[in-house]
């Protein structure tokens, strides 16, 4: 009976990939320590290094989109409150 491939969570993959990136241990040492094949460690390391530039680029873009959405929501709320205030002024006879 063939065994199914192991599933590793993202935290584990990051931990192993960072070990490889640090370069303080050989791939064989890391492989023995974590029970992961050296080829897999090399793939995770490459994936982390390839993704790093996008992480920094994405943070600035996502922050700007988030701020734009917040500003739009605040303007919408200000408009709604102004309409309600004008209505209440009119109902109470405070408006001229």
N, C-alpha and C. Protein backbone atom coordinates (compact mmCIF):
# COMPACT_ATOMS: atom_id res chain seq x y z
N UNK A 1 0.85 -1.17 0.00
CA UNK A 1 0.00 0.00 0.00
C UNK A 1 0.89 1.24 0.00
N UNK A 2 0.65 2.16 -0.93
CA UNK A 2 1.46 3.38 -1.02
C UNK A 2 0.99 4.38 0.03
N UNK A 3 1.95 5.03 0.65
CA UNK A 3 1.58 6.03 1.66
C UNK A 3 1.26 7.35 0.97
N UNK A 4 0.31 8.08 1.53
CA UNK A 4 -0.06 9.38 0.95
C UNK A 4 0.99 10.41 1.32
N UNK A 5 1.15 11.43 0.47
CA UNK A 5 2.15 12.45 0.77
C UNK A 5 1.81 13.20 2.05
N UNK A 6 2.85 13.58 2.78
CA UNK A 6 2.64 14.33 4.03
C UNK A 6 2.15 15.74 3.71
N UNK A 7 1.31 16.24 4.58
CA UNK A 7 0.81 17.61 4.48
C UNK A 7 1.46 18.42 5.59
N UNK A 8 2.08 19.52 5.24
CA UNK A 8 2.73 20.38 6.22
C UNK A 8 2.00 21.71 6.26
N UNK A 9 1.82 22.26 7.46
CA UNK A 9 1.16 23.56 7.55
C UNK A 9 2.15 24.68 7.19
N UNK A 10 1.62 25.85 6.94
CA UNK A 10 2.45 26.96 6.47
C UNK A 10 3.49 27.38 7.50
N UNK A 11 3.16 27.33 8.78
CA UNK A 11 4.12 27.72 9.81
C UNK A 11 5.34 26.80 9.79
N UNK A 12 5.09 25.52 9.62
CA UNK A 12 6.18 24.54 9.56
C UNK A 12 7.05 24.80 8.34
N UNK A 13 6.42 25.04 7.19
CA UNK A 13 7.17 25.30 5.96
C UNK A 13 8.06 26.53 6.10
N UNK A 14 7.51 27.58 6.70
CA UNK A 14 8.28 28.81 6.90
C UNK A 14 9.47 28.55 7.82
N UNK A 15 9.23 27.82 8.89
CA UNK A 15 10.30 27.52 9.85
C UNK A 15 11.44 26.77 9.17
N UNK A 16 11.11 25.76 8.38
CA UNK A 16 12.12 24.96 7.70
C UNK A 16 12.83 25.81 6.63
N UNK A 17 12.06 26.57 5.86
CA UNK A 17 12.66 27.40 4.81
C UNK A 17 13.60 28.44 5.41
N UNK A 18 13.22 29.04 6.53
CA UNK A 18 14.09 30.03 7.17
C UNK A 18 15.39 29.40 7.67
N UNK A 19 15.30 28.18 8.16
CA UNK A 19 16.51 27.46 8.56
C UNK A 19 17.46 27.34 7.36
N UNK A 20 16.90 27.00 6.21
CA UNK A 20 17.72 26.84 5.00
C UNK A 20 18.28 28.19 4.54
N UNK A 21 17.49 29.24 4.64
CA UNK A 21 17.93 30.57 4.22
C UNK A 21 19.06 31.07 5.12
N UNK A 22 18.95 30.82 6.42
CA UNK A 22 19.99 31.25 7.36
C UNK A 22 21.35 30.67 6.98
N UNK A 23 21.37 29.43 6.50
CA UNK A 23 22.61 28.80 6.08
C UNK A 23 23.51 28.36 7.21
N UNK A 24 22.99 28.27 8.42
CA UNK A 24 23.80 27.84 9.55
C UNK A 24 23.92 26.34 9.64
N UNK A 25 23.02 25.63 8.94
CA UNK A 25 23.03 24.18 8.91
C UNK A 25 23.00 23.74 7.45
N UNK A 26 23.49 22.56 7.18
CA UNK A 26 23.41 22.01 5.83
C UNK A 26 21.99 21.53 5.57
N UNK A 27 21.66 21.35 4.28
CA UNK A 27 20.34 20.82 3.94
C UNK A 27 20.13 19.44 4.56
N UNK A 28 21.19 18.65 4.59
CA UNK A 28 21.07 17.31 5.18
C UNK A 28 20.76 17.39 6.67
N UNK A 29 21.37 18.36 7.37
CA UNK A 29 21.09 18.53 8.81
C UNK A 29 19.64 18.94 9.02
N UNK A 30 19.18 19.89 8.22
CA UNK A 30 17.81 20.36 8.33
C UNK A 30 16.84 19.22 8.00
N UNK A 31 17.17 18.46 6.96
CA UNK A 31 16.35 17.33 6.55
C UNK A 31 16.20 16.31 7.68
N UNK A 32 17.31 16.00 8.33
CA UNK A 32 17.28 15.04 9.44
C UNK A 32 16.50 15.59 10.63
N UNK A 33 16.69 16.88 10.91
CA UNK A 33 16.04 17.50 12.06
C UNK A 33 14.52 17.55 11.92
N UNK A 34 14.05 17.89 10.71
CA UNK A 34 12.61 18.09 10.52
C UNK A 34 11.92 16.95 9.78
N UNK A 35 12.69 15.98 9.30
CA UNK A 35 12.08 14.85 8.60
C UNK A 35 11.49 15.21 7.26
N UNK A 36 12.13 16.15 6.55
CA UNK A 36 11.66 16.60 5.25
C UNK A 36 12.80 16.38 4.25
N UNK A 37 12.46 15.93 3.06
CA UNK A 37 13.47 15.67 2.03
C UNK A 37 14.15 16.98 1.62
N UNK A 38 15.43 16.89 1.29
CA UNK A 38 16.21 18.09 0.92
C UNK A 38 15.63 18.80 -0.30
N UNK A 39 15.08 18.06 -1.23
CA UNK A 39 14.47 18.67 -2.42
C UNK A 39 13.29 19.55 -2.02
N UNK A 40 12.50 19.06 -1.07
CA UNK A 40 11.34 19.82 -0.60
C UNK A 40 11.80 21.09 0.11
N UNK A 41 12.84 20.98 0.91
CA UNK A 41 13.38 22.15 1.63
C UNK A 41 13.86 23.19 0.62
N UNK A 42 14.55 22.74 -0.42
CA UNK A 42 15.05 23.65 -1.45
C UNK A 42 13.89 24.36 -2.15
N UNK A 43 12.80 23.64 -2.42
CA UNK A 43 11.63 24.25 -3.06
C UNK A 43 10.99 25.30 -2.15
N UNK A 44 10.84 24.99 -0.87
CA UNK A 44 10.26 25.95 0.07
C UNK A 44 11.13 27.19 0.19
N UNK A 45 12.43 26.99 0.25
CA UNK A 45 13.37 28.10 0.34
C UNK A 45 13.23 29.01 -0.88
N UNK A 46 13.19 28.41 -2.06
CA UNK A 46 13.05 29.19 -3.30
C UNK A 46 11.73 29.94 -3.30
N UNK A 47 10.66 29.27 -2.87
CA UNK A 47 9.34 29.91 -2.84
C UNK A 47 9.35 31.13 -1.93
N UNK A 48 9.95 31.01 -0.75
CA UNK A 48 10.01 32.14 0.19
C UNK A 48 10.80 33.29 -0.43
N UNK A 49 11.95 32.99 -0.98
CA UNK A 49 12.79 34.04 -1.56
C UNK A 49 12.13 34.70 -2.77
N UNK A 50 11.39 33.92 -3.57
CA UNK A 50 10.68 34.48 -4.72
C UNK A 50 9.53 35.38 -4.31
N UNK A 51 8.89 35.07 -3.18
CA UNK A 51 7.71 35.82 -2.74
C UNK A 51 8.04 37.09 -1.95
N UNK A 52 9.22 37.20 -1.42
CA UNK A 52 9.56 38.35 -0.57
C UNK A 52 9.32 39.71 -1.23
N UNK A 53 9.76 39.95 -2.46
CA UNK A 53 9.51 41.27 -3.05
C UNK A 53 8.02 41.61 -3.16
N UNK A 54 7.20 40.62 -3.49
CA UNK A 54 5.76 40.88 -3.61
C UNK A 54 5.13 41.22 -2.26
N UNK A 55 5.66 40.64 -1.21
CA UNK A 55 5.12 40.92 0.13
C UNK A 55 5.24 42.40 0.44
N UNK A 56 6.41 42.97 0.18
CA UNK A 56 6.62 44.38 0.48
C UNK A 56 5.85 45.27 -0.48
N UNK A 57 5.75 44.90 -1.73
CA UNK A 57 5.00 45.70 -2.70
C UNK A 57 3.51 45.67 -2.39
N UNK A 58 3.01 44.50 -2.01
CA UNK A 58 1.60 44.31 -1.73
C UNK A 58 1.16 45.09 -0.50
N UNK A 59 2.01 45.17 0.51
CA UNK A 59 1.63 45.87 1.75
C UNK A 59 1.29 47.32 1.48
N UNK A 60 2.11 48.01 0.70
CA UNK A 60 1.84 49.42 0.41
C UNK A 60 0.58 49.60 -0.40
N UNK A 61 0.38 48.75 -1.39
CA UNK A 61 -0.81 48.85 -2.25
C UNK A 61 -2.07 48.53 -1.46
N UNK A 62 -2.03 47.48 -0.65
CA UNK A 62 -3.20 47.11 0.14
C UNK A 62 -3.54 48.17 1.18
N UNK A 63 -2.51 48.78 1.77
CA UNK A 63 -2.74 49.84 2.75
C UNK A 63 -3.43 51.02 2.09
N UNK A 64 -2.98 51.39 0.89
CA UNK A 64 -3.58 52.53 0.18
C UNK A 64 -5.04 52.23 -0.16
N UNK A 65 -5.34 51.00 -0.63
CA UNK A 65 -6.72 50.63 -0.95
C UNK A 65 -7.58 50.65 0.30
N UNK A 66 -7.03 50.19 1.41
CA UNK A 66 -7.77 50.17 2.66
C UNK A 66 -8.09 51.60 3.12
N UNK A 67 -7.11 52.49 3.00
CA UNK A 67 -7.33 53.88 3.39
C UNK A 67 -8.37 54.55 2.49
N UNK A 68 -8.32 54.26 1.18
CA UNK A 68 -9.31 54.82 0.25
C UNK A 68 -10.72 54.35 0.62
N UNK A 69 -10.85 53.07 0.95
CA UNK A 69 -12.15 52.53 1.33
C UNK A 69 -12.65 53.17 2.62
N UNK A 70 -11.75 53.36 3.58
CA UNK A 70 -12.12 53.99 4.84
C UNK A 70 -12.59 55.43 4.60
N UNK A 71 -11.86 56.17 3.78
CA UNK A 71 -12.24 57.56 3.48
C UNK A 71 -13.60 57.60 2.79
N UNK A 72 -13.83 56.70 1.83
CA UNK A 72 -15.12 56.66 1.14
C UNK A 72 -16.25 56.38 2.12
N UNK A 73 -16.02 55.42 3.02
CA UNK A 73 -17.05 55.11 4.02
C UNK A 73 -17.31 56.28 4.95
N UNK A 74 -16.26 56.99 5.34
CA UNK A 74 -16.44 58.14 6.22
C UNK A 74 -17.21 59.26 5.51
N UNK A 75 -16.88 59.53 4.25
CA UNK A 75 -17.63 60.55 3.50
C UNK A 75 -19.10 60.16 3.37
N UNK A 76 -19.36 58.87 3.14
CA UNK A 76 -20.74 58.39 3.04
C UNK A 76 -21.46 58.61 4.37
N UNK A 77 -20.80 58.30 5.46
CA UNK A 77 -21.42 58.47 6.78
C UNK A 77 -21.66 59.95 7.07
N UNK A 78 -20.71 60.81 6.71
CA UNK A 78 -20.89 62.26 6.90
C UNK A 78 -22.10 62.74 6.12
N UNK A 79 -22.23 62.28 4.89
CA UNK A 79 -23.38 62.66 4.06
C UNK A 79 -24.68 62.22 4.69
N UNK A 80 -24.71 60.97 5.18
CA UNK A 80 -25.92 60.45 5.81
C UNK A 80 -26.26 61.26 7.07
N UNK A 81 -25.26 61.58 7.88
CA UNK A 81 -25.51 62.37 9.10
C UNK A 81 -26.00 63.78 8.76
N UNK A 82 -25.46 64.36 7.68
CA UNK A 82 -25.90 65.70 7.27
C UNK A 82 -27.37 65.67 6.85
N UNK A 83 -27.75 64.65 6.10
CA UNK A 83 -29.15 64.50 5.68
C UNK A 83 -30.05 64.37 6.90
N UNK A 84 -29.63 63.52 7.86
CA UNK A 84 -30.42 63.33 9.07
C UNK A 84 -30.51 64.61 9.88
N UNK A 85 -29.40 65.35 9.99
CA UNK A 85 -29.39 66.60 10.73
C UNK A 85 -30.32 67.63 10.09
N UNK A 86 -30.24 67.73 8.76
CA UNK A 86 -31.12 68.68 8.05
C UNK A 86 -32.58 68.30 8.25
N UNK A 87 -32.90 67.00 8.22
CA UNK A 87 -34.26 66.54 8.43
C UNK A 87 -34.74 66.91 9.84
N UNK A 88 -33.87 66.66 10.83
CA UNK A 88 -34.26 66.96 12.21
C UNK A 88 -34.42 68.46 12.44
N UNK A 89 -33.55 69.25 11.84
CA UNK A 89 -33.69 70.72 11.94
C UNK A 89 -35.02 71.16 11.36
N UNK A 90 -35.36 70.60 10.21
CA UNK A 90 -36.59 70.98 9.53
C UNK A 90 -37.81 70.58 10.38
N UNK A 91 -37.77 69.36 10.94
CA UNK A 91 -38.86 68.87 11.76
C UNK A 91 -39.03 69.68 13.04
N UNK A 92 -37.90 70.15 13.61
CA UNK A 92 -37.98 70.87 14.87
C UNK A 92 -38.21 72.36 14.67
N UNK A 93 -38.17 72.81 13.43
CA UNK A 93 -38.38 74.23 13.15
C UNK A 93 -37.15 75.08 13.35
N UNK A 94 -35.96 74.48 13.46
CA UNK A 94 -34.72 75.24 13.65
C UNK A 94 -34.18 75.80 12.34
N UNK A 95 -34.57 75.23 11.21
CA UNK A 95 -34.05 75.75 9.95
C UNK A 95 -34.88 76.93 9.50
N UNK A 96 -34.26 77.82 8.76
CA UNK A 96 -34.95 79.04 8.34
C UNK A 96 -35.66 78.87 7.04
